[in-house]
Amino acid sequence: MILVDGTVMDRDTIASTLDAAPPWDSFIIEDARIVETGTDSAALIYRARADRDSGESTFEAIMTSVYRVVAGAPRLALYQQTTSTH
């Protein structure tokens, strides 16, 4: 996982931080599209806006989630956020 601030996390770090993260109160996904990357993989690219009740500013980014088929099921291989506010 590569976050909008440049933080890179491995699987174990992701699992431990997601459990502690507050949930999103609302989110909007726009402009979703799939880009084929091979016979058993694809990238899902989309723009998102999300808010939490905590009073933080709205999170806006363009996301890319790359999936591979492993043992017949799609598995997330890489997730990246790119800022959309600059």
PDB file of N, CA and C in Angstrom:
ATOM      1  N   MET A   1       0.852  -1.169   0.000  1.00  0.00           N
ATOM      2  CA  MET A   1       0.000   0.000   0.000  1.00  0.00           C
ATOM      3  C   MET A   1       0.898   1.231   0.000  1.00  0.00           C
ATOM      4  N   ILE A   2       0.580   2.152  -0.887  1.00  0.00           N
ATOM      5  CA  ILE A   2       1.316   3.403  -0.955  1.00  0.00           C
ATOM      6  C   ILE A   2       0.301   4.526  -0.756  1.00  0.00           C
ATOM      7  N   LEU A   3       0.465   5.265   0.347  1.00  0.00           N
ATOM      8  CA  LEU A   3      -0.488   6.304   0.694  1.00  0.00           C
ATOM      9  C   LEU A   3      -0.137   7.630   0.037  1.00  0.00           C
ATOM     10  N   VAL A   4      -1.092   8.533   0.027  1.00  0.00           N
ATOM     11  CA  VAL A   4      -0.933   9.826  -0.631  1.00  0.00           C
ATOM     12  C   VAL A   4       0.238  10.631  -0.055  1.00  0.00           C
ATOM     13  N   ASP A   5       0.602  10.399   1.208  1.00  0.00           N
ATOM     14  CA  ASP A   5       1.724  11.124   1.812  1.00  0.00           C
ATOM     15  C   ASP A   5       3.069  10.457   1.556  1.00  0.00           C
ATOM     16  N   GLY A   6       3.068   9.364   0.782  1.00  0.00           N
ATOM     17  CA  GLY A   6       4.307   8.661   0.460  1.00  0.00           C
ATOM     18  C   GLY A   6       4.625   7.485   1.366  1.00  0.00           C
ATOM     19  N   THR A   7       3.825   7.270   2.395  1.00  0.00           N
ATOM     20  CA  THR A   7       4.026   6.136   3.291  1.00  0.00           C
ATOM     21  C   THR A   7       3.822   4.833   2.521  1.00  0.00           C
ATOM     22  N   VAL A   8       4.750   3.885   2.712  1.00  0.00           N
ATOM     23  CA  VAL A   8       4.644   2.563   2.097  1.00  0.00           C
ATOM     24  C   VAL A   8       4.459   1.546   3.216  1.00  0.00           C
ATOM     25  N   MET A   9       3.436   0.701   3.095  1.00  0.00           N
ATOM     26  CA  MET A   9       3.147  -0.284   4.136  1.00  0.00           C
ATOM     27  C   MET A   9       3.106  -1.692   3.565  1.00  0.00           C
ATOM     28  N   ASP A  10       3.598  -2.647   4.349  1.00  0.00           N
ATOM     29  CA  ASP A  10       3.493  -4.048   3.963  1.00  0.00           C
ATOM     30  C   ASP A  10       2.192  -4.635   4.526  1.00  0.00           C
ATOM     31  N   ARG A  11       1.912  -5.877   4.207  1.00  0.00           N
ATOM     32  CA  ARG A  11       0.645  -6.526   4.580  1.00  0.00           C
ATOM     33  C   ARG A  11       0.388  -6.482   6.092  1.00  0.00           C
ATOM     34  N   ASP A  12       1.397  -6.810   6.912  1.00  0.00           N
ATOM     35  CA  ASP A  12       1.198  -6.838   8.368  1.00  0.00           C
ATOM     36  C   ASP A  12       0.896  -5.446   8.926  1.00  0.00           C
ATOM     37  N   THR A  13       1.594  -4.431   8.422  1.00  0.00           N
ATOM     38  CA  THR A  13       1.360  -3.056   8.881  1.00  0.00           C
ATOM     39  C   THR A  13      -0.034  -2.595   8.482  1.00  0.00           C
ATOM     40  N   ILE A  14      -0.444  -2.919   7.277  1.00  0.00           N
ATOM     41  CA  ILE A  14      -1.787  -2.548   6.811  1.00  0.00           C
ATOM     42  C   ILE A  14      -2.840  -3.136   7.736  1.00  0.00           C
ATOM     43  N   ALA A  15      -2.726  -4.423   8.028  1.00  0.00           N
ATOM     44  CA  ALA A  15      -3.717  -5.101   8.866  1.00  0.00           C
ATOM     45  C   ALA A  15      -3.797  -4.466  10.249  1.00  0.00           C
ATOM     46  N   SER A  16      -2.663  -4.125  10.828  1.00  0.00           N
ATOM     47  CA  SER A  16      -2.682  -3.556  12.182  1.00  0.00           C
ATOM     48  C   SER A  16      -3.214  -2.127  12.196  1.00  0.00           C
ATOM     49  N   THR A  17      -2.961  -1.343  11.158  1.00  0.00           N
ATOM     50  CA  THR A  17      -3.439   0.037  11.153  1.00  0.00           C
ATOM     51  C   THR A  17      -4.911   0.137  10.776  1.00  0.00           C
ATOM     52  N   LEU A  18      -5.400  -0.743   9.926  1.00  0.00           N
ATOM     53  CA  LEU A  18      -6.815  -0.689   9.544  1.00  0.00           C
ATOM     54  C   LEU A  18      -7.728  -0.980  10.729  1.00  0.00           C
ATOM     55  N   ASP A  19      -7.291  -1.864  11.608  1.00  0.00           N
ATOM     56  CA  ASP A  19      -8.107  -2.177  12.782  1.00  0.00           C
ATOM     57  C   ASP A  19      -8.282  -0.963  13.686  1.00  0.00           C
ATOM     58  N   ALA A  20      -7.292  -0.067  13.712  1.00  0.00           N
ATOM     59  CA  ALA A  20      -7.336   1.101  14.594  1.00  0.00           C
ATOM     60  C   ALA A  20      -7.918   2.345  13.914  1.00  0.00           C
ATOM     61  N   ALA A  21      -8.094   2.310  12.605  1.00  0.00           N
ATOM     62  CA  ALA A  21      -8.561   3.494  11.868  1.00  0.00           C
ATOM     63  C   ALA A  21     -10.069   3.676  12.038  1.00  0.00           C
ATOM     64  N   PRO A  22     -10.513   4.908  12.263  1.00  0.00           N
ATOM     65  CA  PRO A  22     -11.960   5.137  12.337  1.00  0.00           C
ATOM     66  C   PRO A  22     -12.589   4.933  10.960  1.00  0.00           C
ATOM     67  N   PRO A  23     -13.833   4.484  10.928  1.00  0.00           N
ATOM     68  CA  PRO A  23     -14.482   4.250   9.629  1.00  0.00           C
ATOM     69  C   PRO A  23     -14.823   5.575   8.937  1.00  0.00           C
ATOM     70  N   TRP A  24     -14.973   5.492   7.630  1.00  0.00           N
ATOM     71  CA  TRP A  24     -15.442   6.652   6.872  1.00  0.00           C
ATOM     72  C   TRP A  24     -16.930   6.795   7.104  1.00  0.00           C
ATOM     73  N   ASP A  25     -17.396   8.029   7.279  1.00  0.00           N
ATOM     74  CA  ASP A  25     -18.827   8.280   7.454  1.00  0.00           C
ATOM     75  C   ASP A  25     -19.541   8.365   6.118  1.00  0.00           C
ATOM     76  N   SER A  26     -18.821   8.857   5.095  1.00  0.00           N
ATOM     77  CA  SER A  26     -19.390   8.908   3.751  1.00  0.00           C
ATOM     78  C   SER A  26     -18.255   8.893   2.741  1.00  0.00           C
ATOM     79  N   PHE A  27     -18.563   8.375   1.573  1.00  0.00           N
ATOM     80  CA  PHE A  27     -17.567   8.389   0.498  1.00  0.00           C
ATOM     81  C   PHE A  27     -18.278   8.362  -0.843  1.00  0.00           C
ATOM     82  N   ILE A  28     -17.586   8.890  -1.845  1.00  0.00           N
ATOM     83  CA  ILE A  28     -18.085   8.899  -3.220  1.00  0.00           C
ATOM     84  C   ILE A  28     -16.965   8.385  -4.102  1.00  0.00           C
ATOM     85  N   ILE A  29     -17.274   7.430  -4.961  1.00  0.00           N
ATOM     86  CA  ILE A  29     -16.328   6.907  -5.941  1.00  0.00           C
ATOM     87  C   ILE A  29     -16.811   7.346  -7.315  1.00  0.00           C
ATOM     88  N   GLU A  30     -15.899   7.949  -8.097  1.00  0.00           N
ATOM     89  CA  GLU A  30     -16.250   8.452  -9.420  1.00  0.00           C
ATOM     90  C   GLU A  30     -15.211   8.012 -10.444  1.00  0.00           C
ATOM     91  N   ASP A  31     -15.611   8.058 -11.693  1.00  0.00           N
ATOM     92  CA  ASP A  31     -14.707   7.802 -12.832  1.00  0.00           C
ATOM     93  C   ASP A  31     -13.984   6.463 -12.731  1.00  0.00           C
ATOM     94  N   ALA A  32     -14.660   5.435 -12.233  1.00  0.00           N
ATOM     95  CA  ALA A  32     -14.026   4.116 -12.107  1.00  0.00           C
ATOM     96  C   ALA A  32     -13.823   3.492 -13.485  1.00  0.00           C
ATOM     97  N   ARG A  33     -12.655   2.908 -13.665  1.00  0.00           N
ATOM     98  CA  ARG A  33     -12.384   2.186 -14.915  1.00  0.00           C
ATOM     99  C   ARG A  33     -11.392   1.069 -14.650  1.00  0.00           C
ATOM    100  N   ILE A  34     -11.434   0.084 -15.507  1.00  0.00           N
ATOM    101  CA  ILE A  34     -10.542  -1.077 -15.404  1.00  0.00           C
ATOM    102  C   ILE A  34      -9.527  -1.013 -16.529  1.00  0.00           C
ATOM    103  N   VAL A  35      -8.276  -1.258 -16.181  1.00  0.00           N
ATOM    104  CA  VAL A  35      -7.196  -1.327 -17.161  1.00  0.00           C
ATOM    105  C   VAL A  35      -6.627  -2.742 -17.091  1.00  0.00           C
ATOM    106  N   GLU A  36      -6.761  -3.485 -18.176  1.00  0.00           N
ATOM    107  CA  GLU A  36      -6.199  -4.835 -18.215  1.00  0.00           C
ATOM    108  C   GLU A  36      -4.677  -4.749 -18.163  1.00  0.00           C
ATOM    109  N   THR A  37      -4.057  -5.549 -17.311  1.00  0.00           N
ATOM    110  CA  THR A  37      -2.596  -5.539 -17.179  1.00  0.00           C
ATOM    111  C   THR A  37      -1.967  -6.885 -17.526  1.00  0.00           C
ATOM    112  N   GLY A  38      -2.773  -7.855 -17.880  1.00  0.00           N
ATOM    113  CA  GLY A  38      -2.280  -9.184 -18.247  1.00  0.00           C
ATOM    114  C   GLY A  38      -3.435 -10.155 -18.291  1.00  0.00           C
ATOM    115  N   THR A  39      -3.139 -11.417 -18.543  1.00  0.00           N
ATOM    116  CA  THR A  39      -4.203 -12.411 -18.650  1.00  0.00           C
ATOM    117  C   THR A  39      -4.841 -12.735 -17.308  1.00  0.00           C
ATOM    118  N   ASP A  40      -4.124 -12.500 -16.213  1.00  0.00           N
ATOM    119  CA  ASP A  40      -4.676 -12.807 -14.894  1.00  0.00           C
ATOM    120  C   ASP A  40      -4.564 -11.623 -13.937  1.00  0.00           C
ATOM    121  N   SER A  41      -4.577 -10.400 -14.504  1.00  0.00           N
ATOM    122  CA  SER A  41      -4.470  -9.219 -13.644  1.00  0.00           C
ATOM    123  C   SER A  41      -5.139  -8.007 -14.298  1.00  0.00           C
ATOM    124  N   ALA A  42      -5.505  -7.051 -13.443  1.00  0.00           N
ATOM    125  CA  ALA A  42      -6.104  -5.809 -13.925  1.00  0.00           C
ATOM    126  C   ALA A  42      -5.946  -4.740 -12.851  1.00  0.00           C
ATOM    127  N   ALA A  43      -6.008  -3.492 -13.285  1.00  0.00           N
ATOM    128  CA  ALA A  43      -5.969  -2.370 -12.357  1.00  0.00           C
ATOM    129  C   ALA A  43      -7.330  -1.687 -12.359  1.00  0.00           C
ATOM    130  N   LEU A  44      -7.825  -1.377 -11.182  1.00  0.00           N
ATOM    131  CA  LEU A  44      -9.041  -0.596 -11.017  1.00  0.00           C
ATOM    132  C   LEU A  44      -8.591   0.806 -10.621  1.00  0.00           C
ATOM    133  N   ILE A  45      -8.970   1.800 -11.414  1.00  0.00           N
ATOM    134  CA  ILE A  45      -8.560   3.187 -11.182  1.00  0.00           C
ATOM    135  C   ILE A  45      -9.820   4.005 -10.941  1.00  0.00           C
ATOM    136  N   TYR A  46      -9.799   4.830  -9.892  1.00  0.00           N
ATOM    137  CA  TYR A  46     -10.982   5.616  -9.576  1.00  0.00           C
ATOM    138  C   TYR A  46     -10.606   6.845  -8.757  1.00  0.00           C
ATOM    139  N   ARG A  47     -11.482   7.824  -8.762  1.00  0.00           N
ATOM    140  CA  ARG A  47     -11.348   9.042  -7.956  1.00  0.00           C
ATOM    141  C   ARG A  47     -12.303   8.878  -6.772  1.00  0.00           C
ATOM    142  N   ALA A  48     -11.859   9.299  -5.583  1.00  0.00           N
ATOM    143  CA  ALA A  48     -12.714   9.166  -4.406  1.00  0.00           C
ATOM    144  C   ALA A  48     -12.619  10.393  -3.511  1.00  0.00           C
ATOM    145  N   ARG A  49     -13.739  10.668  -2.833  1.00  0.00           N
ATOM    146  CA  ARG A  49     -13.807  11.684  -1.786  1.00  0.00           C
ATOM    147  C   ARG A  49     -14.446  11.004  -0.584  1.00  0.00           C
ATOM    148  N   ALA A  50     -13.869  11.242   0.601  1.00  0.00           N
ATOM    149  CA  ALA A  50     -14.398  10.599   1.796  1.00  0.00           C
ATOM    150  C   ALA A  50     -14.303  11.541   2.992  1.00  0.00           C
ATOM    151  N   ASP A  51     -15.232  11.355   3.920  1.00  0.00           N
ATOM    152  CA  ASP A  51     -15.280  12.181   5.135  1.00  0.00           C
ATOM    153  C   ASP A  51     -15.429  11.298   6.364  1.00  0.00           C
ATOM    154  N   ARG A  52     -14.836  11.794   7.467  1.00  0.00           N
ATOM    155  CA  ARG A  52     -15.010  11.173   8.785  1.00  0.00           C
ATOM    156  C   ARG A  52     -15.664  12.189   9.698  1.00  0.00           C
ATOM    157  N   ASP A  53     -16.393  11.720  10.698  1.00  0.00           N
ATOM    158  CA  ASP A  53     -17.043  12.591  11.674  1.00  0.00           C
ATOM    159  C   ASP A  53     -16.050  13.337  12.559  1.00  0.00           C
ATOM    160  N   SER A  54     -14.796  12.938  12.518  1.00  0.00           N
ATOM    161  CA  SER A  54     -13.780  13.495  13.423  1.00  0.00           C
ATOM    162  C   SER A  54     -13.455  14.958  13.135  1.00  0.00           C
ATOM    163  N   GLY A  55     -13.998  15.517  12.068  1.00  0.00           N
ATOM    164  CA  GLY A  55     -13.742  16.908  11.751  1.00  0.00           C
ATOM    165  C   GLY A  55     -12.544  17.113  10.843  1.00  0.00           C
ATOM    166  N   GLU A  56     -11.889  16.031  10.458  1.00  0.00           N
ATOM    167  CA  GLU A  56     -10.786  16.134   9.504  1.00  0.00           C
ATOM    168  C   GLU A  56     -11.323  16.689   8.187  1.00  0.00           C
ATOM    169  N   SER A  57     -10.440  17.291   7.390  1.00  0.00           N
ATOM    170  CA  SER A  57     -10.883  17.777   6.087  1.00  0.00           C
ATOM    171  C   SER A  57     -11.204  16.586   5.174  1.00  0.00           C
ATOM    172  N   THR A  58     -11.986  16.845   4.148  1.00  0.00           N
ATOM    173  CA  THR A  58     -12.359  15.809   3.190  1.00  0.00           C
ATOM    174  C   THR A  58     -11.109  15.230   2.540  1.00  0.00           C
ATOM    175  N   PHE A  59     -11.048  13.901   2.479  1.00  0.00           N
ATOM    176  CA  PHE A  59      -9.940  13.210   1.823  1.00  0.00           C
ATOM    177  C   PHE A  59     -10.312  13.050   0.354  1.00  0.00           C
ATOM    178  N   GLU A  60      -9.440  13.518  -0.535  1.00  0.00           N
ATOM    179  CA  GLU A  60      -9.657  13.377  -1.970  1.00  0.00           C
ATOM    180  C   GLU A  60      -8.404  12.805  -2.599  1.00  0.00           C
ATOM    181  N   ALA A  61      -8.576  11.786  -3.442  1.00  0.00           N
ATOM    182  CA  ALA A  61      -7.424  11.175  -4.104  1.00  0.00           C
ATOM    183  C   ALA A  61      -7.879  10.372  -5.307  1.00  0.00           C
ATOM    184  N   ILE A  62      -6.915  10.040  -6.134  1.00  0.00           N
ATOM    185  CA  ILE A  62      -7.114   9.080  -7.215  1.00  0.00           C
ATOM    186  C   ILE A  62      -6.450   7.801  -6.748  1.00  0.00           C
ATOM    187  N   MET A  63      -7.177   6.695  -6.807  1.00  0.00           N
ATOM    188  CA  MET A  63      -6.679   5.423  -6.310  1.00  0.00           C
ATOM    189  C   MET A  63      -6.460   4.448  -7.453  1.00  0.00           C
ATOM    190  N   THR A  64      -5.476   3.589  -7.268  1.00  0.00           N
ATOM    191  CA  THR A  64      -5.253   2.476  -8.172  1.00  0.00           C
ATOM    192  C   THR A  64      -5.130   1.217  -7.327  1.00  0.00           C
ATOM    193  N   SER A  65      -5.942   0.222  -7.643  1.00  0.00           N
ATOM    194  CA  SER A  65      -5.876  -1.079  -6.989  1.00  0.00           C
ATOM    195  C   SER A  65      -5.579  -2.108  -8.063  1.00  0.00           C
ATOM    196  N   VAL A  66      -4.450  -2.796  -7.923  1.00  0.00           N
ATOM    197  CA  VAL A  66      -4.046  -3.814  -8.898  1.00  0.00           C
ATOM    198  C   VAL A  66      -4.393  -5.179  -8.317  1.00  0.00           C
ATOM    199  N   TYR A  67      -5.120  -5.970  -9.098  1.00  0.00           N
ATOM    200  CA  TYR A  67      -5.549  -7.301  -8.664  1.00  0.00           C
ATOM    201  C   TYR A  67      -4.931  -8.368  -9.552  1.00  0.00           C
ATOM    202  N   ARG A  68      -4.613  -9.516  -8.936  1.00  0.00           N
ATOM    203  CA  ARG A  68      -4.165 -10.724  -9.649  1.00  0.00           C
ATOM    204  C   ARG A  68      -5.119 -11.853  -9.296  1.00  0.00           C
ATOM    205  N   VAL A  69      -5.292 -12.773 -10.228  1.00  0.00           N
ATOM    206  CA  VAL A  69      -6.076 -13.966  -9.931  1.00  0.00           C
ATOM    207  C   VAL A  69      -5.119 -15.004  -9.349  1.00  0.00           C
ATOM    208  N   VAL A  70      -5.424 -15.440  -8.127  1.00  0.00           N
ATOM    209  CA  VAL A  70      -4.624 -16.444  -7.426  1.00  0.00           C
ATOM    210  C   VAL A  70      -5.573 -17.560  -7.007  1.00  0.00           C
ATOM    211  N   ALA A  71      -5.302 -18.756  -7.451  1.00  0.00           N
ATOM    212  CA  ALA A  71      -6.148 -19.912  -7.135  1.00  0.00           C
ATOM    213  C   ALA A  71      -7.608 -19.631  -7.484  1.00  0.00           C
ATOM    214  N   GLY A  72      -7.816 -18.952  -8.617  1.00  0.00           N
ATOM    215  CA  GLY A  72      -9.158 -18.713  -9.119  1.00  0.00           C
ATOM    216  C   GLY A  72      -9.895 -17.525  -8.522  1.00  0.00           C
ATOM    217  N   ALA A  73      -9.267 -16.794  -7.602  1.00  0.00           N
ATOM    218  CA  ALA A  73      -9.937 -15.659  -6.964  1.00  0.00           C
ATOM    219  C   ALA A  73      -9.088 -14.396  -7.097  1.00  0.00           C
ATOM    220  N   PRO A  74      -9.739 -13.227  -7.274  1.00  0.00           N
ATOM    221  CA  PRO A  74      -8.964 -11.982  -7.354  1.00  0.00           C
ATOM    222  C   PRO A  74      -8.360 -11.643  -5.993  1.00  0.00           C
ATOM    223  N   ARG A  75      -7.101 -11.250  -6.008  1.00  0.00           N
ATOM    224  CA  ARG A  75      -6.385 -10.856  -4.785  1.00  0.00           C
ATOM    225  C   ARG A  75      -5.730  -9.502  -5.025  1.00  0.00           C
ATOM    226  N   LEU A  76      -5.823  -8.616  -4.054  1.00  0.00           N
ATOM    227  CA  LEU A  76      -5.217  -7.298  -4.163  1.00  0.00           C
ATOM    228  C   LEU A  76      -3.705  -7.441  -4.083  1.00  0.00           C
ATOM    229  N   ALA A  77      -3.008  -6.942  -5.103  1.00  0.00           N
ATOM    230  CA  ALA A  77      -1.550  -7.015  -5.145  1.00  0.00           C
ATOM    231  C   ALA A  77      -0.909  -5.687  -4.758  1.00  0.00           C
ATOM    232  N   LEU A  78      -1.544  -4.568  -5.121  1.00  0.00           N
ATOM    233  CA  LEU A  78      -0.980  -3.250  -4.834  1.00  0.00           C
ATOM    234  C   LEU A  78      -2.099  -2.222  -4.820  1.00  0.00           C
ATOM    235  N   TYR A  79      -2.023  -1.312  -3.863  1.00  0.00           N
ATOM    236  CA  TYR A  79      -2.983  -0.206  -3.759  1.00  0.00           C
ATOM    237  C   TYR A  79      -2.176   1.072  -3.623  1.00  0.00           C
ATOM    238  N   GLN A  80      -2.503   2.095  -4.424  1.00  0.00           N
ATOM    239  CA  GLN A  80      -1.792   3.363  -4.361  1.00  0.00           C
ATOM    240  C   GLN A  80      -2.766   4.523  -4.411  1.00  0.00           C
ATOM    241  N   GLN A  81      -2.475   5.542  -3.586  1.00  0.00           N
ATOM    242  CA  GLN A  81      -3.246   6.784  -3.588  1.00  0.00           C
ATOM    243  C   GLN A  81      -2.388   7.884  -4.208  1.00  0.00           C
ATOM    244  N   THR A  82      -2.999   8.713  -5.038  1.00  0.00           N
ATOM    245  CA  THR A  82      -2.328   9.869  -5.625  1.00  0.00           C
ATOM    246  C   THR A  82      -3.184  11.091  -5.334  1.00  0.00           C
ATOM    247  N   THR A  83      -2.564  12.139  -4.814  1.00  0.00           N
ATOM    248  CA  THR A  83      -3.330  13.326  -4.454  1.00  0.00           C
ATOM    249  C   THR A  83      -4.026  13.919  -5.674  1.00  0.00           C
ATOM    250  N   SER A  84      -5.216  14.403  -5.469  1.00  0.00           N
ATOM    251  CA  SER A  84      -5.960  15.056  -6.551  1.00  0.00           C
ATOM    252  C   SER A  84      -6.221  16.519  -6.213  1.00  0.00           C
ATOM    253  N   THR A  85      -5.588  17.010  -5.161  1.00  0.00           N
ATOM    254  CA  THR A  85      -5.864  18.363  -4.690  1.00  0.00           C
ATOM    255  C   THR A  85      -4.795  19.367  -5.086  1.00  0.00           C
ATOM    256  N   HIS A  86      -3.802  18.979  -5.880  1.00  0.00           N
ATOM    257  CA  HIS A  86      -2.773  19.916  -6.342  1.00  0.00           C
ATOM    258  C   HIS A  86      -3.051  20.278  -7.780  1.00  0.00           C
TER     259      HIS A  86
END
